[in-house]
Amino acid sequence: MALGGNPIFNGKSFRGATQAPPVPQAPYGQQPYGQAPYGQQPYGQAPYGQAPYGQQGYGQPQNMTDEQLRQMYNQPAAGPADTGRMTYDDVIVKTAACLAVLLVGAGVTMFVGLGLASMLMIVGALGGFVLALVNTFKKQPSPALILAYAGLEGLFLGGLTRVLDTMYPGVGLQAVIGTLSVFTVTLLLFKSGKVRATPKAMKFFMIALAGYALFSIVNLVMMLTGLTTEPFGLRSGIIGVVIGILAIGLAAFSLVMDFTSIEAGVQSGAPQRFSWTAAFGLTVTLVWLYVEIIRLLAILRGDE
């Protein structure tokens, strides 16, 4: 699994669900628990060829008809969904549910005044940040809290889009198309095996992400303290374009790590409830990707 990327997939609950516990080894000279020494029958089991006490032996008539036996053997084998394991379909359905709630939240900001939309944007940003932390460190996924996070992020993205689209008409639709395009291309490259979260790529990603986070914090402090009067602070002009392209690349690679974690969860038979964790992780990354794309578009339009 790709560790060190999305903290949602690196939590102990999801990571533990995708890793099988080690098989305990018996000390030298002792038999493993539940196994008898060579030549002796385990406690409660009859010797080979003899039926256990009170049970019929092999080949003896059973209380089942030929038709019942035929139906039993013709039944299909139980799949992951039948055994309560996470599947790709589970992740797709729950991710679609999160995105649907997000779109509802974004739609609310489109039918109110610009001032109220800006207030809802702030409420959504703060509330979404709090719920993101809660869902990230929660031991078991909570569908209600995850959907609530999606709704608040919808308010944030809708308000942000409303404000920027007023200043630079058309950037909202362009950002949606750009986000869907990056997601689709990244998924296709991952499915083809041409893009993988290798250890070397992970190291580069972590270094670049740490540098980008530090730059963003410094830029935010300068904007709040009035040290820069530009709408996007230090992210203006050619520097803003370069940083924006880098941020989109980081978000796209984060999608690759999300896909890797989901693949590991399905292959290892993680419990079905963790499909909500996977949906939450994908939603967080898509929100980040959309914000970076619409901000880059606004920077480019502002330089015209």
C-alpha atoms as a PDB file:
ATOM      1  CA  MET A   1       0.000   0.000   0.000  1.00  0.00           C
ATOM      2  CA  ALA A   2       1.085   3.537  -0.686  1.00  0.00           C
ATOM      3  CA  LEU A   3       1.923   4.913   2.707  1.00  0.00           C
ATOM      4  CA  GLY A   4       2.728   8.525   3.404  1.00  0.00           C
ATOM      5  CA  GLY A   5       0.111  10.013   1.064  1.00  0.00           C
ATOM      6  CA  ASN A   6      -3.508  10.678   1.934  1.00  0.00           C
ATOM      7  CA  PRO A   7      -3.656  10.556   5.777  1.00  0.00           C
ATOM      8  CA  ILE A   8      -7.178   9.128   5.562  1.00  0.00           C
ATOM      9  CA  PHE A   9      -5.866   5.883   4.062  1.00  0.00           C
ATOM     10  CA  ASN A  10      -2.872   5.857   6.417  1.00  0.00           C
ATOM     11  CA  GLY A  11      -4.987   5.742   9.573  1.00  0.00           C
ATOM     12  CA  LYS A  12      -4.581   2.709  11.790  1.00  0.00           C
ATOM     13  CA  SER A  13      -8.157   1.529  11.137  1.00  0.00           C
ATOM     14  CA  PHE A  14      -7.994   1.412   7.317  1.00  0.00           C
ATOM     15  CA  ARG A  15      -4.350   0.333   7.193  1.00  0.00           C
ATOM     16  CA  GLY A  16      -4.984  -2.380   9.765  1.00  0.00           C
ATOM     17  CA  ALA A  17      -7.964  -3.659   7.776  1.00  0.00           C
ATOM     18  CA  THR A  18      -5.782  -4.163   4.695  1.00  0.00           C
ATOM     19  CA  GLN A  19      -3.028  -6.053   6.487  1.00  0.00           C
ATOM     20  CA  ALA A  20      -3.499  -9.615   7.706  1.00  0.00           C
ATOM     21  CA  PRO A  21      -2.267 -10.297  11.264  1.00  0.00           C
ATOM     22  CA  PRO A  22       0.891 -12.430  11.502  1.00  0.00           C
ATOM     23  CA  VAL A  23       0.446 -16.138  12.207  1.00  0.00           C
ATOM     24  CA  PRO A  24       1.757 -16.959  15.713  1.00  0.00           C
ATOM     25  CA  GLN A  25       4.680 -19.373  15.745  1.00  0.00           C
ATOM     26  CA  ALA A  26       5.108 -22.007  18.433  1.00  0.00           C
ATOM     27  CA  PRO A  27       8.411 -22.261  20.341  1.00  0.00           C
ATOM     28  CA  TYR A  28      10.974 -24.744  19.081  1.00  0.00           C
ATOM     29  CA  GLY A  29      10.035 -28.300  19.974  1.00  0.00           C
ATOM     30  CA  GLN A  30       6.371 -27.497  20.693  1.00  0.00           C
ATOM     31  CA  GLN A  31       3.397 -28.028  18.437  1.00  0.00           C
ATOM     32  CA  PRO A  32       1.382 -25.007  17.242  1.00  0.00           C
ATOM     33  CA  TYR A  33      -1.767 -24.362  19.201  1.00  0.00           C
ATOM     34  CA  GLY A  34      -4.570 -26.699  18.171  1.00  0.00           C
ATOM     35  CA  GLN A  35      -2.269 -29.257  16.482  1.00  0.00           C
ATOM     36  CA  ALA A  36      -1.370 -32.601  18.027  1.00  0.00           C
ATOM     37  CA  PRO A  37       2.103 -34.249  17.830  1.00  0.00           C
ATOM     38  CA  TYR A  38       2.830 -36.438  14.830  1.00  0.00           C
ATOM     39  CA  GLY A  39       0.974 -39.760  15.003  1.00  0.00           C
ATOM     40  CA  GLN A  40      -1.577 -38.564  17.563  1.00  0.00           C
ATOM     41  CA  GLN A  41      -5.106 -37.403  16.859  1.00  0.00           C
ATOM     42  CA  PRO A  42      -6.136 -33.905  17.968  1.00  0.00           C
ATOM     43  CA  TYR A  43      -8.423 -33.830  20.952  1.00  0.00           C
ATOM     44  CA  GLY A  44     -12.018 -34.543  19.967  1.00  0.00           C
ATOM     45  CA  GLN A  45     -11.214 -35.847  16.468  1.00  0.00           C
ATOM     46  CA  ALA A  46     -11.570 -39.461  15.411  1.00  0.00           C
ATOM     47  CA  PRO A  47      -8.817 -41.376  13.552  1.00  0.00           C
ATOM     48  CA  TYR A  48      -8.780 -41.260   9.765  1.00  0.00           C
ATOM     49  CA  GLY A  49     -11.616 -43.291   8.245  1.00  0.00           C
ATOM     50  CA  GLN A  50     -13.732 -43.314  11.391  1.00  0.00           C
ATOM     51  CA  ALA A  51     -16.672 -40.996  11.938  1.00  0.00           C
ATOM     52  CA  PRO A  52     -16.690 -38.728  14.993  1.00  0.00           C
ATOM     53  CA  TYR A  53     -18.915 -39.800  17.833  1.00  0.00           C
ATOM     54  CA  GLY A  54     -22.580 -39.335  16.971  1.00  0.00           C
ATOM     55  CA  GLN A  55     -21.910 -38.488  13.290  1.00  0.00           C
ATOM     56  CA  GLN A  56     -22.300 -40.548  10.160  1.00  0.00           C
ATOM     57  CA  GLY A  57     -19.192 -41.654   8.330  1.00  0.00           C
ATOM     58  CA  TYR A  58     -18.249 -40.882   4.757  1.00  0.00           C
ATOM     59  CA  GLY A  59     -20.441 -42.674   2.264  1.00  0.00           C
ATOM     60  CA  GLN A  60     -23.249 -43.298   4.722  1.00  0.00           C
ATOM     61  CA  PRO A  61     -26.749 -42.042   3.762  1.00  0.00           C
ATOM     62  CA  GLN A  62     -27.537 -38.454   4.638  1.00  0.00           C
ATOM     63  CA  ASN A  63     -30.922 -36.823   5.213  1.00  0.00           C
ATOM     64  CA  MET A  64     -30.755 -35.039   1.831  1.00  0.00           C
ATOM     65  CA  THR A  65     -32.296 -36.025  -1.489  1.00  0.00           C
ATOM     66  CA  ASP A  66     -30.401 -36.162  -4.746  1.00  0.00           C
ATOM     67  CA  GLU A  67     -32.194 -33.006  -5.922  1.00  0.00           C
ATOM     68  CA  GLN A  68     -31.189 -31.122  -2.771  1.00  0.00           C
ATOM     69  CA  LEU A  69     -27.560 -32.180  -3.169  1.00  0.00           C
ATOM     70  CA  ARG A  70     -27.597 -31.136  -6.834  1.00  0.00           C
ATOM     71  CA  GLN A  71     -28.961 -27.699  -5.959  1.00  0.00           C
ATOM     72  CA  MET A  72     -26.405 -27.254  -3.195  1.00  0.00           C
ATOM     73  CA  TYR A  73     -23.444 -28.025  -5.468  1.00  0.00           C
ATOM     74  CA  ASN A  74     -24.810 -25.899  -8.339  1.00  0.00           C
ATOM     75  CA  GLN A  75     -25.007 -22.735  -6.222  1.00  0.00           C
ATOM     76  CA  PRO A  76     -22.416 -20.054  -7.160  1.00  0.00           C
ATOM     77  CA  ALA A  77     -19.545 -19.434  -4.796  1.00  0.00           C
ATOM     78  CA  ALA A  78     -19.969 -16.578  -2.341  1.00  0.00           C
ATOM     79  CA  GLY A  79     -18.341 -13.355  -3.532  1.00  0.00           C
ATOM     80  CA  PRO A  80     -16.830 -10.485  -1.517  1.00  0.00           C
ATOM     81  CA  ALA A  81     -20.194  -8.716  -1.275  1.00  0.00           C
ATOM     82  CA  ASP A  82     -21.804 -11.879   0.141  1.00  0.00           C
ATOM     83  CA  THR A  83     -19.126 -12.176   2.820  1.00  0.00           C
ATOM     84  CA  GLY A  84     -19.239  -8.521   3.884  1.00  0.00           C
ATOM     85  CA  ARG A  85     -15.988  -7.499   2.166  1.00  0.00           C
ATOM     86  CA  MET A  86     -15.202  -4.232   0.405  1.00  0.00           C
ATOM     87  CA  THR A  87     -15.622  -4.194  -3.377  1.00  0.00           C
ATOM     88  CA  TYR A  88     -14.955  -1.655  -6.099  1.00  0.00           C
ATOM     89  CA  ASP A  89     -18.713  -1.300  -6.597  1.00  0.00           C
ATOM     90  CA  ASP A  90     -19.103  -0.343  -2.928  1.00  0.00           C
ATOM     91  CA  VAL A  91     -16.472   2.385  -3.285  1.00  0.00           C
ATOM     92  CA  ILE A  92     -18.030   3.710  -6.507  1.00  0.00           C
ATOM     93  CA  VAL A  93     -21.545   3.866  -5.032  1.00  0.00           C
ATOM     94  CA  LYS A  94     -20.463   5.571  -1.816  1.00  0.00           C
ATOM     95  CA  THR A  95     -18.197   8.015  -3.643  1.00  0.00           C
ATOM     96  CA  ALA A  96     -21.116   8.892  -5.915  1.00  0.00           C
ATOM     97  CA  ALA A  97     -23.251   9.492  -2.814  1.00  0.00           C
ATOM     98  CA  CYS A  98     -20.627  11.848  -1.365  1.00  0.00           C
ATOM     99  CA  LEU A  99     -20.334  13.773  -4.622  1.00  0.00           C
ATOM    100  CA  ALA A 100     -24.129  13.996  -4.915  1.00  0.00           C
ATOM    101  CA  VAL A 101     -24.378  15.550  -1.443  1.00  0.00           C
ATOM    102  CA  LEU A 102     -21.488  17.863  -2.329  1.00  0.00           C
ATOM    103  CA  LEU A 103     -23.344  19.032  -5.442  1.00  0.00           C
ATOM    104  CA  VAL A 104     -26.469  19.695  -3.386  1.00  0.00           C
ATOM    105  CA  GLY A 105     -24.443  21.855  -1.008  1.00  0.00           C
ATOM    106  CA  ALA A 106     -22.863  23.699  -3.935  1.00  0.00           C
ATOM    107  CA  GLY A 107     -26.293  24.188  -5.502  1.00  0.00           C
ATOM    108  CA  VAL A 108     -27.524  26.005  -2.403  1.00  0.00           C
ATOM    109  CA  THR A 109     -24.962  28.780  -2.921  1.00  0.00           C
ATOM    110  CA  MET A 110     -26.138  29.290  -6.501  1.00  0.00           C
ATOM    111  CA  PHE A 111     -29.628  30.374  -5.443  1.00  0.00           C
ATOM    112  CA  VAL A 112     -28.692  32.952  -2.797  1.00  0.00           C
ATOM    113  CA  GLY A 113     -27.128  36.376  -2.924  1.00  0.00           C
ATOM    114  CA  LEU A 114     -23.406  36.814  -3.381  1.00  0.00           C
ATOM    115  CA  GLY A 115     -22.954  38.067   0.190  1.00  0.00           C
ATOM    116  CA  LEU A 116     -24.716  35.055   1.692  1.00  0.00           C
ATOM    117  CA  ALA A 117     -22.833  32.737  -0.645  1.00  0.00           C
ATOM    118  CA  SER A 118     -19.564  34.176   0.676  1.00  0.00           C
ATOM    119  CA  MET A 119     -20.696  33.548   4.263  1.00  0.00           C
ATOM    120  CA  LEU A 120     -21.686  29.982   3.409  1.00  0.00           C
ATOM    121  CA  MET A 121     -18.261  29.534   1.826  1.00  0.00           C
ATOM    122  CA  ILE A 122     -16.569  30.429   5.123  1.00  0.00           C
ATOM    123  CA  VAL A 123     -18.943  28.200   7.120  1.00  0.00           C
ATOM    124  CA  GLY A 124     -18.335  25.319   4.733  1.00  0.00           C
ATOM    125  CA  ALA A 125     -14.556  25.770   4.834  1.00  0.00           C
ATOM    126  CA  LEU A 126     -14.349  25.822   8.636  1.00  0.00           C
ATOM    127  CA  GLY A 127     -16.958  23.102   9.183  1.00  0.00           C
ATOM    128  CA  GLY A 128     -15.465  20.901   6.482  1.00  0.00           C
ATOM    129  CA  PHE A 129     -11.997  21.259   7.999  1.00  0.00           C
ATOM    130  CA  VAL A 130     -13.271  20.201  11.429  1.00  0.00           C
ATOM    131  CA  LEU A 131     -15.198  17.204  10.077  1.00  0.00           C
ATOM    132  CA  ALA A 132     -12.216  16.224   7.934  1.00  0.00           C
ATOM    133  CA  LEU A 133     -10.104  15.940  11.081  1.00  0.00           C
ATOM    134  CA  VAL A 134     -12.858  14.053  12.923  1.00  0.00           C
ATOM    135  CA  ASN A 135     -13.352  11.548  10.094  1.00  0.00           C
ATOM    136  CA  THR A 136      -9.612  11.121   9.566  1.00  0.00           C
ATOM    137  CA  PHE A 137      -8.858  10.167  13.171  1.00  0.00           C
ATOM    138  CA  LYS A 138     -12.107   8.299  13.861  1.00  0.00           C
ATOM    139  CA  LYS A 139     -11.467   4.567  14.403  1.00  0.00           C
ATOM    140  CA  GLN A 140     -14.556   3.448  12.522  1.00  0.00           C
ATOM    141  CA  PRO A 141     -16.040   5.263   9.511  1.00  0.00           C
ATOM    142  CA  SER A 142     -19.295   7.131  10.122  1.00  0.00           C
ATOM    143  CA  PRO A 143     -21.442   7.507   6.964  1.00  0.00           C
ATOM    144  CA  ALA A 144     -23.397  10.400   8.529  1.00  0.00           C
ATOM    145  CA  LEU A 145     -20.254  12.395   9.347  1.00  0.00           C
ATOM    146  CA  ILE A 146     -18.721  11.659   5.950  1.00  0.00           C
ATOM    147  CA  LEU A 147     -21.848  12.841   4.128  1.00  0.00           C
ATOM    148  CA  ALA A 148     -21.996  15.903   6.404  1.00  0.00           C
ATOM    149  CA  TYR A 149     -18.409  16.684   5.411  1.00  0.00           C
ATOM    150  CA  ALA A 150     -19.374  16.404   1.742  1.00  0.00           C
ATOM    151  CA  GLY A 151     -22.288  18.796   2.254  1.00  0.00           C
ATOM    152  CA  LEU A 152     -20.100  21.398   3.974  1.00  0.00           C
ATOM    153  CA  GLU A 153     -17.448  21.118   1.284  1.00  0.00           C
ATOM    154  CA  GLY A 154     -20.218  21.678  -1.220  1.00  0.00           C
ATOM    155  CA  LEU A 155     -21.022  24.995   0.477  1.00  0.00           C
ATOM    156  CA  PHE A 156     -17.335  25.932   0.394  1.00  0.00           C
ATOM    157  CA  LEU A 157     -16.773  25.009  -3.258  1.00  0.00           C
ATOM    158  CA  GLY A 158     -20.065  26.521  -4.340  1.00  0.00           C
ATOM    159  CA  GLY A 159     -19.338  29.804  -2.580  1.00  0.00           C
ATOM    160  CA  LEU A 160     -15.779  29.900  -3.916  1.00  0.00           C
ATOM    161  CA  THR A 161     -16.993  29.215  -7.439  1.00  0.00           C
ATOM    162  CA  ARG A 162     -19.677  31.879  -7.137  1.00  0.00           C
ATOM    163  CA  VAL A 163     -17.152  34.518  -6.029  1.00  0.00           C
ATOM    164  CA  LEU A 164     -14.480  33.687  -8.617  1.00  0.00           C
ATOM    165  CA  ASP A 165     -16.990  33.218 -11.422  1.00  0.00           C
ATOM    166  CA  THR A 166     -18.329  36.709 -10.719  1.00  0.00           C
ATOM    167  CA  MET A 167     -14.819  38.114 -11.071  1.00  0.00           C
ATOM    168  CA  TYR A 168     -13.792  35.876 -13.984  1.00  0.00           C
ATOM    169  CA  PRO A 169     -16.876  34.572 -15.806  1.00  0.00           C
ATOM    170  CA  GLY A 170     -16.620  30.961 -16.953  1.00  0.00           C
ATOM    171  CA  VAL A 171     -13.903  29.717 -14.586  1.00  0.00           C
ATOM    172  CA  GLY A 172     -16.391  27.579 -12.653  1.00  0.00           C
ATOM    173  CA  LEU A 173     -17.372  25.434 -15.631  1.00  0.00           C
ATOM    174  CA  GLN A 174     -13.767  25.264 -16.782  1.00  0.00           C
ATOM    175  CA  ALA A 175     -12.686  24.050 -13.319  1.00  0.00           C
ATOM    176  CA  VAL A 176     -15.343  21.305 -13.313  1.00  0.00           C
ATOM    177  CA  ILE A 177     -14.249  20.099 -16.750  1.00  0.00           C
ATOM    178  CA  GLY A 178     -10.598  20.268 -15.723  1.00  0.00           C
ATOM    179  CA  THR A 179     -11.199  18.266 -12.541  1.00  0.00           C
ATOM    180  CA  LEU A 180     -13.124  15.550 -14.376  1.00  0.00           C
ATOM    181  CA  SER A 181     -10.434  15.403 -17.066  1.00  0.00           C
ATOM    182  CA  VAL A 182      -7.561  15.029 -14.594  1.00  0.00           C
ATOM    183  CA  PHE A 183      -9.466  12.384 -12.630  1.00  0.00           C
ATOM    184  CA  THR A 184     -10.303  10.381 -15.766  1.00  0.00           C
ATOM    185  CA  VAL A 185      -6.786  10.502 -17.191  1.00  0.00           C
ATOM    186  CA  THR A 186      -5.252   9.571 -13.829  1.00  0.00           C
ATOM    187  CA  LEU A 187      -7.616   6.620 -13.418  1.00  0.00           C
ATOM    188  CA  LEU A 188      -6.919   5.335 -16.935  1.00  0.00           C
ATOM    189  CA  LEU A 189      -3.154   5.630 -16.457  1.00  0.00           C
ATOM    190  CA  PHE A 190      -3.407   3.793 -13.137  1.00  0.00           C
ATOM    191  CA  LYS A 191      -5.571   1.013 -14.611  1.00  0.00           C
ATOM    192  CA  SER A 192      -3.091   0.573 -17.469  1.00  0.00           C
ATOM    193  CA  GLY A 193      -0.220   0.245 -14.987  1.00  0.00           C
ATOM    194  CA  LYS A 194       1.726   3.169 -16.489  1.00  0.00           C
ATOM    195  CA  VAL A 195       1.488   5.228 -13.288  1.00  0.00           C
ATOM    196  CA  ARG A 196       2.182   3.652  -9.897  1.00  0.00           C
ATOM    197  CA  ALA A 197       2.991   4.933  -6.421  1.00  0.00           C
ATOM    198  CA  THR A 198       6.561   3.625  -6.314  1.00  0.00           C
ATOM    199  CA  PRO A 199       8.779   4.280  -3.254  1.00  0.00           C
ATOM    200  CA  LYS A 200      10.919   6.711  -5.266  1.00  0.00           C
ATOM    201  CA  ALA A 201       7.887   8.648  -6.462  1.00  0.00           C
ATOM    202  CA  MET A 202       6.538   8.673  -2.905  1.00  0.00           C
ATOM    203  CA  LYS A 203       9.716  10.299  -1.580  1.00  0.00           C
ATOM    204  CA  PHE A 204       9.559  13.020  -4.223  1.00  0.00           C
ATOM    205  CA  PHE A 205       5.864  13.543  -3.491  1.00  0.00           C
ATOM    206  CA  MET A 206       6.409  13.950   0.248  1.00  0.00           C
ATOM    207  CA  ILE A 207       9.237  16.458  -0.256  1.00  0.00           C
ATOM    208  CA  ALA A 208       7.215  18.471  -2.770  1.00  0.00           C
ATOM    209  CA  LEU A 209       4.091  18.348  -0.589  1.00  0.00           C
ATOM    210  CA  ALA A 210       5.988  19.567   2.489  1.00  0.00           C
ATOM    211  CA  GLY A 211       7.457  22.453   0.504  1.00  0.00           C
ATOM    212  CA  TYR A 212       4.068  23.363  -0.947  1.00  0.00           C
ATOM    213  CA  ALA A 213       2.425  23.271   2.508  1.00  0.00           C
ATOM    214  CA  LEU A 214       5.110  25.564   3.935  1.00  0.00           C
ATOM    215  CA  PHE A 215       4.720  28.000   1.033  1.00  0.00           C
ATOM    216  CA  SER A 216       0.924  28.021   1.465  1.00  0.00           C
ATOM    217  CA  ILE A 217       1.184  28.784   5.189  1.00  0.00           C
ATOM    218  CA  VAL A 218       3.640  31.648   4.602  1.00  0.00           C
ATOM    219  CA  ASN A 219       1.446  33.013   1.817  1.00  0.00           C
ATOM    220  CA  LEU A 220      -1.663  32.882   4.012  1.00  0.00           C
ATOM    221  CA  VAL A 221       0.062  34.685   6.876  1.00  0.00           C
ATOM    222  CA  MET A 222       1.277  37.411   4.533  1.00  0.00           C
ATOM    223  CA  MET A 223      -2.217  37.884   3.107  1.00  0.00           C
ATOM    224  CA  LEU A 224      -3.851  38.051   6.569  1.00  0.00           C
ATOM    225  CA  THR A 225      -1.269  40.525   7.892  1.00  0.00           C
ATOM    226  CA  GLY A 226      -1.430  42.759   4.836  1.00  0.00           C
ATOM    227  CA  LEU A 227       2.183  42.189   3.805  1.00  0.00           C
ATOM    228  CA  THR A 228       0.919  41.538   0.276  1.00  0.00           C
ATOM    229  CA  THR A 229      -2.038  43.213  -1.416  1.00  0.00           C
ATOM    230  CA  GLU A 230      -2.363  40.821  -4.351  1.00  0.00           C
ATOM    231  CA  PRO A 231      -5.635  38.806  -4.471  1.00  0.00           C
ATOM    232  CA  PHE A 232      -3.697  35.529  -4.295  1.00  0.00           C
ATOM    233  CA  GLY A 233      -0.712  36.819  -2.343  1.00  0.00           C
ATOM    234  CA  LEU A 234       2.574  35.392  -3.539  1.00  0.00           C
ATOM    235  CA  ARG A 235       0.666  33.189  -5.964  1.00  0.00           C
ATOM    236  CA  SER A 236       0.446  35.926  -8.591  1.00  0.00           C
ATOM    237  CA  GLY A 237       2.072  36.210 -11.979  1.00  0.00           C
ATOM    238  CA  ILE A 238       4.397  33.552 -13.326  1.00  0.00           C
ATOM    239  CA  ILE A 239       5.224  32.271  -9.823  1.00  0.00           C
ATOM    240  CA  GLY A 240       1.543  31.638  -9.162  1.00  0.00           C
ATOM    241  CA  VAL A 241       1.183  29.730 -12.431  1.00  0.00           C
ATOM    242  CA  VAL A 242       4.190  27.503 -11.708  1.00  0.00           C
ATOM    243  CA  ILE A 243       3.031  26.830  -8.136  1.00  0.00           C
ATOM    244  CA  GLY A 244      -0.493  26.115  -9.408  1.00  0.00           C
ATOM    245  CA  ILE A 245       0.716  23.565 -11.955  1.00  0.00           C
ATOM    246  CA  LEU A 246       2.843  21.899  -9.262  1.00  0.00           C
ATOM    247  CA  ALA A 247      -0.138  21.743  -6.889  1.00  0.00           C
ATOM    248  CA  ILE A 248      -2.358  20.150  -9.550  1.00  0.00           C
ATOM    249  CA  GLY A 249       0.362  17.568 -10.182  1.00  0.00           C
ATOM    250  CA  LEU A 250       0.533  16.783  -6.461  1.00  0.00           C
ATOM    251  CA  ALA A 251      -3.252  16.394  -6.262  1.00  0.00           C
ATOM    252  CA  ALA A 252      -3.235  14.103  -9.309  1.00  0.00           C
ATOM    253  CA  PHE A 253      -0.529  11.902  -7.792  1.00  0.00           C
ATOM    254  CA  SER A 254      -2.521  11.841  -4.567  1.00  0.00           C
ATOM    255  CA  LEU A 255      -5.323  10.275  -6.624  1.00  0.00           C
ATOM    256  CA  VAL A 256      -2.878   7.563  -7.722  1.00  0.00           C
ATOM    257  CA  MET A 257      -2.099   6.807  -4.078  1.00  0.00           C
ATOM    258  CA  ASP A 258      -5.814   6.742  -3.268  1.00  0.00           C
ATOM    259  CA  PHE A 259      -6.396   4.208  -6.050  1.00  0.00           C
ATOM    260  CA  THR A 260      -3.480   2.137  -4.743  1.00  0.00           C
ATOM    261  CA  SER A 261      -4.912   2.105  -1.220  1.00  0.00           C
ATOM    262  CA  ILE A 262      -8.380   1.158  -2.471  1.00  0.00           C
ATOM    263  CA  GLU A 263      -6.914  -1.636  -4.587  1.00  0.00           C
ATOM    264  CA  ALA A 264      -5.040  -2.965  -1.556  1.00  0.00           C
ATOM    265  CA  GLY A 265      -8.201  -2.824   0.550  1.00  0.00           C
ATOM    266  CA  VAL A 266     -10.243  -4.804  -1.977  1.00  0.00           C
ATOM    267  CA  GLN A 267      -7.532  -7.399  -2.590  1.00  0.00           C
ATOM    268  CA  SER A 268      -6.946  -7.985   1.120  1.00  0.00           C
ATOM    269  CA  GLY A 269     -10.671  -8.335   1.845  1.00  0.00           C
ATOM    270  CA  ALA A 270     -11.129  -5.274   4.066  1.00  0.00           C
ATOM    271  CA  PRO A 271     -14.530  -5.062   5.800  1.00  0.00           C
ATOM    272  CA  GLN A 272     -17.274  -3.492   3.702  1.00  0.00           C
ATOM    273  CA  ARG A 273     -17.680  -0.504   6.038  1.00  0.00           C
ATOM    274  CA  PHE A 274     -14.271   0.803   4.983  1.00  0.00           C
ATOM    275  CA  SER A 275     -15.654   1.567   1.537  1.00  0.00           C
ATOM    276  CA  TRP A 276     -16.956   4.732   3.247  1.00  0.00           C
ATOM    277  CA  THR A 277     -13.379   5.557   4.240  1.00  0.00           C
ATOM    278  CA  ALA A 278     -12.276   5.081   0.643  1.00  0.00           C
ATOM    279  CA  ALA A 279     -15.102   7.321  -0.601  1.00  0.00           C
ATOM    280  CA  PHE A 280     -14.153   9.965   1.963  1.00  0.00           C
ATOM    281  CA  GLY A 281     -10.506   9.884   0.910  1.00  0.00           C
ATOM    282  CA  LEU A 282     -11.392  10.274  -2.769  1.00  0.00           C
ATOM    283  CA  THR A 283     -13.752  13.153  -1.997  1.00  0.00           C
ATOM    284  CA  VAL A 284     -11.047  15.006  -0.053  1.00  0.00           C
ATOM    285  CA  THR A 285      -8.573  14.642  -2.925  1.00  0.00           C
ATOM    286  CA  LEU A 286     -11.121  15.740  -5.539  1.00  0.00           C
ATOM    287  CA  VAL A 287     -11.975  18.825  -3.472  1.00  0.00           C
ATOM    288  CA  TRP A 288      -8.277  19.703  -3.280  1.00  0.00           C
ATOM    289  CA  LEU A 289      -7.864  19.156  -7.026  1.00  0.00           C
ATOM    290  CA  TYR A 290     -10.853  21.375  -7.873  1.00  0.00           C
ATOM    291  CA  VAL A 291      -9.620  24.204  -5.641  1.00  0.00           C
ATOM    292  CA  GLU A 292      -6.177  24.143  -7.245  1.00  0.00           C
ATOM    293  CA  ILE A 293      -7.585  24.125 -10.778  1.00  0.00           C
ATOM    294  CA  ILE A 294     -10.057  26.979 -10.260  1.00  0.00           C
ATOM    295  CA  ARG A 295      -7.394  29.033  -8.493  1.00  0.00           C
ATOM    296  CA  LEU A 296      -4.934  28.531 -11.369  1.00  0.00           C
ATOM    297  CA  LEU A 297      -7.621  29.533 -13.866  1.00  0.00           C
ATOM    298  CA  ALA A 298      -8.389  32.678 -11.857  1.00  0.00           C
ATOM    299  CA  ILE A 299      -4.675  33.565 -11.730  1.00  0.00           C
ATOM    300  CA  LEU A 300      -4.371  33.139 -15.482  1.00  0.00           C
ATOM    301  CA  ARG A 301      -7.467  35.242 -16.099  1.00  0.00           C
ATOM    302  CA  GLY A 302      -6.215  37.917 -13.705  1.00  0.00           C
ATOM    303  CA  ASP A 303      -2.979  38.284 -15.666  1.00  0.00           C
ATOM    304  CA  GLU A 304      -4.793  38.987 -18.933  1.00  0.00           C
END
